Amino acid sequence: MEINNQKSVKGEKTKYKLAHSMKECMLTTSVENITVKQIVENCGLTRQTFYRNFLDKYDLINWYFDKLLLKSFEHMGRGKTVYDALVKKFTYIQEEQAFFAAAFRYDNQNSLRQHDFELILDFYENLIRENTGRSLDEDTHFLLEMYCQSSIFMTIKWVLGEMECTPEKLAQILVMGMPGTLEKLFTESGILN
């Protein structure tokens, strides 16, 4: 058991090392033009190590974003609200603004934009199902998809500097913009005040 735990910790350190290298590369090169060779040479690892951990550079970006999102939303429904989680998420994104601005600019296959949508939609669906004991009906699912897409769109505008506000203000606006049906469901689920 101890050996597996050590391997897991080492694997996480390697992934973070690759993510840090990717962030450094993003300071001077667009995401599309960064190569795996650049990433590994920058941090002293091998291509084999990279591919043992990630499918491609977009998989690396998405993994790093997952880590951020998990930290942001880990306590939602257990004393934390959607607003609290969004503030935390946007604060993390703001701290890593250069990385996320570059990552969100890319909008093709395996993009962070699509990954964020799928991740947050799935997260909300599972949380609602756990807290209410029922799945979403078709209309409510449609509203949740629409809300998640529009939230991500506005988040990207914010990350790219097209709108200026604090993480708290952005979270407040996104919560205020929630359709009434979702607001009621989120309140029932204990994740909205």
Protein backbone atom coordinates (compact mmCIF):
# COMPACT_ATOMS: atom_id res chain seq x y z
CA MET A 1 0.00 0.00 0.00
CA GLU A 2 2.82 2.41 0.90
CA ILE A 3 4.56 1.80 -2.46
CA ASN A 4 1.38 2.62 -4.42
CA ASN A 5 0.93 5.80 -2.38
CA GLN A 6 4.53 6.85 -3.10
CA LYS A 7 4.02 6.20 -6.83
CA SER A 8 0.83 8.25 -6.75
CA VAL A 9 2.57 11.19 -5.03
CA LYS A 10 5.48 10.99 -7.48
CA GLY A 11 3.04 10.86 -10.40
CA GLU A 12 1.24 13.97 -9.14
CA LYS A 13 4.56 15.81 -8.76
CA THR A 14 5.49 14.87 -12.32
CA LYS A 15 2.13 16.12 -13.62
CA TYR A 16 2.51 19.40 -11.76
CA LYS A 17 6.05 19.75 -13.11
CA LEU A 18 4.72 19.31 -16.66
CA ALA A 19 1.89 21.78 -15.96
CA HIS A 20 4.37 24.35 -14.65
CA SER A 21 6.46 23.88 -17.79
CA MET A 22 3.37 24.31 -19.97
CA LYS A 23 2.55 27.54 -18.13
CA GLU A 24 6.07 28.83 -18.80
CA CYS A 25 5.79 27.95 -22.50
CA MET A 26 2.44 29.76 -22.69
CA LEU A 27 4.13 33.02 -21.70
CA THR A 28 5.88 33.21 -25.06
CA THR A 29 4.03 30.81 -27.38
CA SER A 30 0.36 30.26 -28.27
CA VAL A 31 -1.15 26.97 -27.11
CA GLU A 32 -1.50 25.73 -30.70
CA ASN A 33 2.22 26.26 -31.34
CA ILE A 34 3.58 24.69 -28.15
CA THR A 35 5.04 21.23 -28.72
CA VAL A 36 5.43 18.35 -26.31
CA LYS A 37 9.15 18.57 -27.07
CA GLN A 38 9.22 22.17 -25.75
CA ILE A 39 7.30 21.20 -22.63
CA VAL A 40 9.57 18.31 -21.69
CA GLU A 41 12.82 20.06 -22.58
CA ASN A 42 11.77 23.02 -20.45
CA CYS A 43 11.34 20.84 -17.35
CA GLY A 44 13.99 18.17 -17.97
CA LEU A 45 11.61 15.24 -18.49
CA THR A 46 11.25 12.87 -21.42
CA ARG A 47 8.53 12.57 -24.04
CA GLN A 48 7.83 9.08 -22.71
CA THR A 49 7.17 10.54 -19.26
CA PHE A 50 4.83 13.10 -20.78
CA TYR A 51 2.86 10.47 -22.70
CA ARG A 52 2.75 8.17 -19.69
CA ASN A 53 0.81 10.93 -17.95
CA PHE A 54 -1.13 12.74 -20.70
CA LEU A 55 -2.60 12.07 -24.13
CA ASP A 56 -1.53 15.49 -25.44
CA LYS A 57 -0.95 19.08 -24.33
CA TYR A 58 -4.70 19.71 -24.14
CA ASP A 59 -5.12 16.75 -21.82
CA LEU A 60 -2.46 18.38 -19.62
CA ILE A 61 -4.34 21.72 -19.62
CA ASN A 62 -7.61 19.96 -18.79
CA TRP A 63 -5.98 17.97 -15.96
CA TYR A 64 -4.64 21.18 -14.42
CA PHE A 65 -8.04 22.82 -14.71
CA ASP A 66 -9.67 19.76 -13.09
CA LYS A 67 -7.37 20.17 -10.09
CA LEU A 68 -8.43 23.79 -9.76
CA LEU A 69 -12.12 22.98 -10.16
CA LEU A 70 -12.02 20.15 -7.64
CA LYS A 71 -10.48 22.49 -5.06
CA SER A 72 -13.16 25.09 -5.80
CA PHE A 73 -16.18 22.83 -5.63
CA GLU A 74 -15.11 20.17 -3.12
CA HIS A 75 -17.29 21.40 -0.25
CA MET A 76 -20.34 22.52 -2.23
CA GLY A 77 -23.51 21.15 -0.71
CA ARG A 78 -21.74 20.64 2.61
CA GLY A 79 -21.96 24.16 3.93
CA LYS A 80 -20.71 25.81 0.75
CA THR A 81 -22.92 27.30 -1.94
CA VAL A 82 -22.64 27.75 -5.69
CA TYR A 83 -21.61 31.35 -5.01
CA ASP A 84 -18.82 30.25 -2.62
CA ALA A 85 -17.51 27.70 -5.11
CA LEU A 86 -17.60 30.16 -8.01
CA VAL A 87 -15.70 32.80 -6.03
CA LYS A 88 -13.04 30.21 -5.23
CA LYS A 89 -12.89 29.03 -8.86
CA PHE A 90 -12.58 32.58 -10.22
CA THR A 91 -9.95 33.49 -7.62
CA TYR A 92 -7.85 30.49 -8.70
CA ILE A 93 -8.32 31.41 -12.35
CA GLN A 94 -7.35 35.03 -11.61
CA GLU A 95 -4.17 33.84 -9.87
CA GLU A 96 -3.30 31.84 -12.99
CA GLN A 97 -4.72 34.40 -15.43
CA ALA A 98 -2.01 34.10 -18.10
CA PHE A 99 -2.34 30.31 -18.21
CA PHE A 100 -6.14 30.29 -18.41
CA ALA A 101 -6.34 33.17 -20.89
CA ALA A 102 -4.09 31.24 -23.25
CA ALA A 103 -5.94 27.97 -22.62
CA PHE A 104 -9.41 29.45 -23.15
CA ARG A 105 -8.37 31.13 -26.42
CA TYR A 106 -7.98 27.68 -27.99
CA ASP A 107 -11.42 26.48 -29.04
CA ASN A 108 -10.90 23.37 -31.16
CA GLN A 109 -10.82 19.66 -30.33
CA ASN A 110 -10.24 18.80 -26.65
CA SER A 111 -10.51 22.49 -25.68
CA LEU A 112 -10.67 23.73 -22.11
CA ARG A 113 -13.93 25.50 -22.95
CA GLN A 114 -15.65 22.22 -23.85
CA HIS A 115 -13.97 20.39 -20.99
CA ASP A 116 -15.15 23.00 -18.46
CA PHE A 117 -18.70 22.72 -19.81
CA GLU A 118 -18.78 18.92 -19.57
CA LEU A 119 -17.18 18.90 -16.13
CA ILE A 120 -19.44 21.50 -14.54
CA LEU A 121 -22.61 20.12 -16.14
CA ASP A 122 -21.80 16.64 -14.86
CA PHE A 123 -20.89 18.02 -11.43
CA TYR A 124 -24.18 19.90 -11.06
CA GLU A 125 -26.24 16.95 -12.35
CA ASN A 126 -24.60 14.56 -9.88
CA LEU A 127 -24.94 16.97 -6.97
CA ILE A 128 -28.62 17.55 -7.69
CA ARG A 129 -29.24 13.81 -8.04
CA GLU A 130 -27.42 13.09 -4.75
CA ASN A 131 -29.23 15.85 -2.85
CA THR A 132 -32.75 15.36 -4.24
CA GLY A 133 -32.73 11.63 -5.06
CA ARG A 134 -33.98 12.25 -8.59
CA SER A 135 -32.61 12.87 -12.07
CA LEU A 136 -33.35 15.98 -14.08
CA ASP A 137 -36.27 16.01 -16.48
CA GLU A 138 -35.59 16.97 -20.10
CA ASP A 139 -36.61 20.64 -19.74
CA THR A 140 -34.58 21.19 -16.57
CA HIS A 141 -31.58 19.45 -18.16
CA PHE A 142 -31.89 21.85 -21.10
CA LEU A 143 -31.92 24.84 -18.71
CA LEU A 144 -28.88 23.50 -16.87
CA GLU A 145 -26.97 23.03 -20.14
CA MET A 146 -27.91 26.55 -21.24
CA TYR A 147 -26.89 27.99 -17.86
CA CYS A 148 -23.54 26.17 -17.86
CA GLN A 149 -22.76 27.26 -21.45
CA SER A 150 -23.61 30.90 -20.75
CA SER A 151 -21.65 30.85 -17.47
CA ILE A 152 -18.57 29.55 -19.26
CA PHE A 153 -19.00 32.10 -22.05
CA MET A 154 -19.05 34.94 -19.50
CA THR A 155 -16.14 33.42 -17.57
CA ILE A 156 -14.07 33.37 -20.75
CA LYS A 157 -14.95 37.01 -21.50
CA TRP A 158 -13.76 37.84 -17.98
CA VAL A 159 -10.54 35.80 -18.28
CA LEU A 160 -9.72 37.41 -21.61
CA GLY A 161 -10.18 40.89 -20.12
CA GLU A 162 -13.35 41.75 -22.05
CA MET A 163 -15.12 42.58 -18.79
CA GLU A 164 -13.64 43.82 -15.55
CA CYS A 165 -14.92 42.76 -12.16
CA THR A 166 -13.82 40.92 -9.06
CA PRO A 167 -14.28 37.16 -8.66
CA GLU A 168 -17.00 37.94 -6.10
CA LYS A 169 -18.89 40.20 -8.52
CA LEU A 170 -18.67 37.68 -11.37
CA ALA A 171 -19.96 34.93 -9.08
CA GLN A 172 -22.79 37.18 -7.90
CA ILE A 173 -23.82 38.00 -11.48
CA LEU A 174 -23.77 34.34 -12.52
CA VAL A 175 -25.89 33.32 -9.54
CA MET A 176 -28.33 36.19 -10.25
CA GLY A 177 -28.57 35.06 -13.89
CA MET A 178 -29.66 31.55 -12.98
CA PRO A 179 -33.06 30.61 -14.47
CA GLY A 180 -35.83 30.43 -11.84
CA THR A 181 -36.36 26.69 -12.27
CA LEU A 182 -32.67 26.04 -11.57
CA GLU A 183 -32.64 28.51 -8.69
CA LYS A 184 -35.48 26.58 -7.04
CA LEU A 185 -33.77 23.22 -7.68
CA PHE A 186 -30.39 24.46 -6.41
CA THR A 187 -32.07 25.86 -3.29
CA GLU A 188 -33.80 22.50 -2.69
CA SER A 189 -30.43 20.81 -3.14
CA GLY A 190 -28.89 22.98 -0.43
CA ILE A 191 -26.34 24.62 -2.74
CA LEU A 192 -27.94 28.04 -3.07
CA ASN A 193 -28.95 30.44 -0.31
